[in-house]
N, C-alpha and C. Protein backbone atom coordinates (compact mmCIF):
# COMPACT_ATOMS: atom_id res chain seq x y z
N MET A 1 -86.94 49.92 130.59
CA MET A 1 -87.82 50.62 129.69
C MET A 1 -89.27 50.24 129.98
N PRO A 2 -90.15 51.19 129.89
CA PRO A 2 -91.55 50.88 130.20
C PRO A 2 -92.27 50.06 129.13
N LYS A 3 -91.76 50.07 127.91
CA LYS A 3 -92.40 49.32 126.82
C LYS A 3 -91.33 48.70 125.93
N LEU A 4 -91.71 47.64 125.23
CA LEU A 4 -90.81 47.03 124.26
C LEU A 4 -91.35 47.39 122.87
N ASP A 5 -90.84 48.49 122.34
CA ASP A 5 -91.22 48.91 121.01
C ASP A 5 -90.02 49.57 120.34
N ALA A 6 -90.15 49.92 119.08
CA ALA A 6 -89.02 50.47 118.32
C ALA A 6 -88.51 51.77 118.92
N ALA A 7 -89.40 52.62 119.38
CA ALA A 7 -88.97 53.91 119.94
C ALA A 7 -88.10 53.71 121.18
N HIS A 8 -88.50 52.80 122.05
CA HIS A 8 -87.70 52.54 123.25
C HIS A 8 -86.42 51.79 122.93
N MET A 9 -86.45 50.94 121.93
CA MET A 9 -85.23 50.27 121.49
C MET A 9 -84.23 51.29 120.97
N GLN A 10 -84.72 52.29 120.26
CA GLN A 10 -83.83 53.34 119.75
C GLN A 10 -83.21 54.13 120.90
N VAL A 11 -84.00 54.42 121.92
CA VAL A 11 -83.46 55.10 123.11
C VAL A 11 -82.35 54.26 123.73
N PHE A 12 -82.57 52.94 123.83
CA PHE A 12 -81.55 52.05 124.38
C PHE A 12 -80.28 52.09 123.53
N LEU A 13 -80.42 51.95 122.21
CA LEU A 13 -79.24 51.96 121.32
C LEU A 13 -78.49 53.29 121.43
N ASP A 14 -79.22 54.38 121.44
CA ASP A 14 -78.58 55.70 121.57
C ASP A 14 -77.85 55.82 122.90
N GLY A 15 -78.41 55.25 123.96
CA GLY A 15 -77.75 55.29 125.27
C GLY A 15 -76.47 54.47 125.28
N VAL A 16 -76.50 53.32 124.61
CA VAL A 16 -75.29 52.49 124.53
C VAL A 16 -74.19 53.25 123.80
N VAL A 17 -74.55 53.89 122.69
CA VAL A 17 -73.56 54.65 121.92
C VAL A 17 -73.00 55.80 122.74
N GLU A 18 -73.86 56.48 123.46
CA GLU A 18 -73.43 57.61 124.27
C GLU A 18 -72.42 57.19 125.33
N ARG A 19 -72.64 56.03 125.94
CA ARG A 19 -71.77 55.56 127.02
C ARG A 19 -70.53 54.83 126.51
N HIS A 20 -70.58 54.30 125.30
CA HIS A 20 -69.47 53.49 124.78
C HIS A 20 -69.07 53.97 123.38
N GLN A 21 -68.76 55.24 123.27
CA GLN A 21 -68.46 55.85 121.98
C GLN A 21 -67.22 55.27 121.31
N ASP A 22 -66.26 54.84 122.11
CA ASP A 22 -64.98 54.40 121.55
C ASP A 22 -64.86 52.89 121.39
N THR A 23 -65.97 52.18 121.51
CA THR A 23 -65.92 50.72 121.37
C THR A 23 -66.93 50.26 120.34
N PHE A 24 -66.69 49.07 119.81
CA PHE A 24 -67.64 48.42 118.92
C PHE A 24 -68.41 47.42 119.77
N THR A 25 -69.73 47.48 119.74
CA THR A 25 -70.56 46.68 120.61
C THR A 25 -71.42 45.71 119.82
N LEU A 26 -71.37 44.44 120.22
CA LEU A 26 -72.26 43.42 119.65
C LEU A 26 -73.37 43.17 120.67
N ILE A 27 -74.61 43.20 120.20
CA ILE A 27 -75.75 42.96 121.08
C ILE A 27 -76.50 41.74 120.55
N VAL A 28 -76.69 40.75 121.41
CA VAL A 28 -77.39 39.52 121.04
C VAL A 28 -78.86 39.68 121.42
N LEU A 29 -79.74 39.45 120.45
CA LEU A 29 -81.17 39.69 120.65
C LEU A 29 -82.02 38.56 120.09
N VAL A 30 -83.26 38.50 120.56
CA VAL A 30 -84.26 37.66 119.92
C VAL A 30 -84.90 38.51 118.81
N ARG A 31 -85.68 37.89 117.97
CA ARG A 31 -86.26 38.61 116.83
C ARG A 31 -87.62 39.24 117.15
N SER A 32 -87.67 40.01 118.21
CA SER A 32 -88.93 40.70 118.52
C SER A 32 -89.10 41.85 117.53
N GLY A 33 -90.32 42.30 117.39
CA GLY A 33 -90.60 43.40 116.47
C GLY A 33 -89.82 44.66 116.82
N ALA A 34 -89.61 44.90 118.11
CA ALA A 34 -88.85 46.09 118.53
C ALA A 34 -87.39 45.99 118.11
N HIS A 35 -86.85 44.78 118.10
CA HIS A 35 -85.44 44.60 117.76
C HIS A 35 -85.19 44.62 116.26
N THR A 36 -86.22 44.35 115.47
CA THR A 36 -86.04 44.25 114.02
C THR A 36 -86.78 45.35 113.25
N ALA A 37 -87.29 46.33 113.94
CA ALA A 37 -88.07 47.39 113.29
C ALA A 37 -87.25 48.12 112.23
N LYS A 38 -87.88 48.37 111.11
CA LYS A 38 -87.22 49.09 110.01
C LYS A 38 -86.87 50.53 110.40
N ALA A 39 -87.59 51.08 111.37
CA ALA A 39 -87.37 52.46 111.79
C ALA A 39 -86.10 52.65 112.63
N LEU A 40 -85.50 51.57 113.10
CA LEU A 40 -84.30 51.70 113.94
C LEU A 40 -83.15 52.28 113.14
N ARG A 41 -82.46 53.22 113.76
CA ARG A 41 -81.25 53.80 113.18
C ARG A 41 -80.07 53.17 113.94
N LEU A 42 -79.43 52.22 113.31
CA LEU A 42 -78.35 51.49 113.96
C LEU A 42 -77.06 52.29 113.88
N PRO A 43 -76.48 52.66 115.02
CA PRO A 43 -75.20 53.38 115.01
C PRO A 43 -74.10 52.54 114.38
N VAL A 44 -73.08 53.19 113.85
CA VAL A 44 -72.01 52.48 113.15
C VAL A 44 -71.18 51.60 114.07
N ASN A 45 -71.16 51.89 115.36
CA ASN A 45 -70.34 51.09 116.27
C ASN A 45 -71.15 50.06 117.06
N ILE A 46 -72.34 49.70 116.54
CA ILE A 46 -73.16 48.64 117.14
C ILE A 46 -73.59 47.67 116.05
N ALA A 47 -73.48 46.38 116.36
CA ALA A 47 -74.00 45.34 115.46
C ALA A 47 -74.97 44.49 116.26
N LEU A 48 -76.07 44.12 115.63
CA LEU A 48 -77.06 43.27 116.26
C LEU A 48 -76.89 41.85 115.73
N ILE A 49 -76.86 40.89 116.65
CA ILE A 49 -76.80 39.47 116.30
C ILE A 49 -78.09 38.85 116.81
N PHE A 50 -78.82 38.18 115.94
CA PHE A 50 -80.11 37.62 116.32
C PHE A 50 -80.00 36.11 116.56
N LEU A 51 -80.59 35.68 117.67
CA LEU A 51 -80.66 34.26 117.97
C LEU A 51 -81.59 33.57 116.98
N PRO A 52 -81.32 32.32 116.65
CA PRO A 52 -82.25 31.59 115.78
C PRO A 52 -83.63 31.47 116.43
N ALA A 53 -84.64 31.38 115.61
CA ALA A 53 -86.00 31.22 116.12
C ALA A 53 -86.12 29.92 116.91
N ARG A 54 -86.95 29.96 117.92
CA ARG A 54 -87.23 28.79 118.76
C ARG A 54 -85.96 28.11 119.27
N SER A 55 -85.09 28.89 119.90
CA SER A 55 -83.85 28.32 120.45
C SER A 55 -83.62 28.86 121.86
N PRO A 56 -84.51 28.57 122.80
CA PRO A 56 -84.36 29.11 124.15
C PRO A 56 -83.07 28.66 124.83
N GLU A 57 -82.53 27.52 124.41
CA GLU A 57 -81.29 27.04 125.04
C GLU A 57 -80.11 27.95 124.75
N ARG A 58 -80.21 28.79 123.72
CA ARG A 58 -79.12 29.71 123.39
C ARG A 58 -79.31 31.09 124.01
N ASN A 59 -80.44 31.31 124.63
CA ASN A 59 -80.73 32.61 125.22
C ASN A 59 -80.39 32.56 126.71
N PRO A 60 -79.35 33.27 127.16
CA PRO A 60 -78.91 33.19 128.55
C PRO A 60 -80.00 33.53 129.56
N ILE A 61 -80.91 34.44 129.25
CA ILE A 61 -81.93 34.81 130.22
C ILE A 61 -82.86 33.64 130.51
N GLU A 62 -83.00 32.71 129.58
CA GLU A 62 -83.85 31.55 129.81
C GLU A 62 -83.35 30.72 130.98
N ARG A 63 -82.05 30.70 131.20
CA ARG A 63 -81.49 29.96 132.35
C ARG A 63 -81.88 30.64 133.66
N VAL A 64 -81.92 31.96 133.63
CA VAL A 64 -82.34 32.70 134.83
C VAL A 64 -83.80 32.38 135.14
N TRP A 65 -84.66 32.43 134.11
CA TRP A 65 -86.07 32.11 134.33
C TRP A 65 -86.22 30.69 134.85
N GLU A 66 -85.45 29.75 134.30
CA GLU A 66 -85.54 28.36 134.74
C GLU A 66 -85.20 28.22 136.21
N ASP A 67 -84.12 28.87 136.64
CA ASP A 67 -83.74 28.82 138.05
C ASP A 67 -84.82 29.45 138.93
N GLY A 68 -85.33 30.58 138.50
CA GLY A 68 -86.38 31.26 139.27
C GLY A 68 -87.63 30.42 139.38
N ARG A 69 -88.02 29.81 138.28
CA ARG A 69 -89.22 28.96 138.30
C ARG A 69 -89.04 27.79 139.25
N SER A 70 -87.87 27.17 139.23
CA SER A 70 -87.67 25.99 140.08
C SER A 70 -87.68 26.37 141.56
N GLN A 71 -87.22 27.57 141.89
CA GLN A 71 -87.18 27.98 143.30
C GLN A 71 -88.50 28.58 143.77
N MET A 72 -89.29 29.13 142.86
CA MET A 72 -90.50 29.84 143.26
C MET A 72 -91.79 29.09 142.90
N ALA A 73 -91.66 27.96 142.23
CA ALA A 73 -92.86 27.24 141.77
C ALA A 73 -93.78 26.90 142.93
N TRP A 74 -95.03 27.10 142.73
CA TRP A 74 -96.11 26.73 143.64
C TRP A 74 -96.12 27.52 144.94
N LYS A 75 -95.31 28.57 145.05
CA LYS A 75 -95.37 29.42 146.23
C LYS A 75 -96.37 30.54 145.97
N CYS A 76 -97.11 30.88 146.99
CA CYS A 76 -98.08 31.98 146.88
C CYS A 76 -97.67 33.09 147.84
N PHE A 77 -97.81 34.32 147.39
CA PHE A 77 -97.44 35.47 148.20
C PHE A 77 -98.64 36.41 148.30
N PRO A 78 -98.92 36.89 149.50
CA PRO A 78 -100.09 37.76 149.66
C PRO A 78 -99.96 39.11 148.96
N HIS A 79 -98.71 39.57 148.79
CA HIS A 79 -98.50 40.83 148.07
C HIS A 79 -97.06 40.89 147.56
N LEU A 80 -96.79 41.86 146.72
CA LEU A 80 -95.51 41.95 146.03
C LEU A 80 -94.33 42.08 146.99
N GLU A 81 -94.50 42.79 148.07
CA GLU A 81 -93.40 42.97 149.02
C GLU A 81 -92.90 41.63 149.57
N CYS A 82 -93.81 40.71 149.83
CA CYS A 82 -93.42 39.38 150.31
C CYS A 82 -92.60 38.64 149.25
N LEU A 83 -93.00 38.75 148.00
CA LEU A 83 -92.25 38.13 146.91
C LEU A 83 -90.86 38.73 146.81
N GLU A 84 -90.77 40.05 146.88
CA GLU A 84 -89.47 40.72 146.79
C GLU A 84 -88.57 40.30 147.93
N ASN A 85 -89.11 40.17 149.13
CA ASN A 85 -88.31 39.72 150.29
C ASN A 85 -87.82 38.29 150.07
N GLU A 86 -88.65 37.45 149.49
CA GLU A 86 -88.28 36.06 149.20
C GLU A 86 -87.13 36.03 148.21
N ARG A 87 -87.22 36.84 147.17
CA ARG A 87 -86.16 36.87 146.13
C ARG A 87 -84.84 37.31 146.72
N GLU A 88 -84.86 38.26 147.65
CA GLU A 88 -83.63 38.73 148.27
C GLU A 88 -82.98 37.66 149.12
N ALA A 89 -83.77 36.79 149.70
CA ALA A 89 -83.27 35.73 150.56
C ALA A 89 -82.65 34.58 149.77
N VAL A 90 -83.06 34.45 148.50
CA VAL A 90 -82.58 33.31 147.68
C VAL A 90 -81.20 33.56 147.19
């Protein structure tokens, strides 16, 4: 998604429902404004579970960032293509 806002979150939720109509889906989220917006129309077959505040150890993506930081720290790349090539090699 190009932005993290309520409108794009709704597009995401609608897409999940469209692709998984016959299942009940639990989505684990942080408490960003887009995830908690009052304007969201939550489908009946989706439930949102929010991580506690300030708990990066419970957020799986934080482990990905940690690994990436440890492998890429202090490296400089002249342009984005060099960085992308480096990521593919790792």
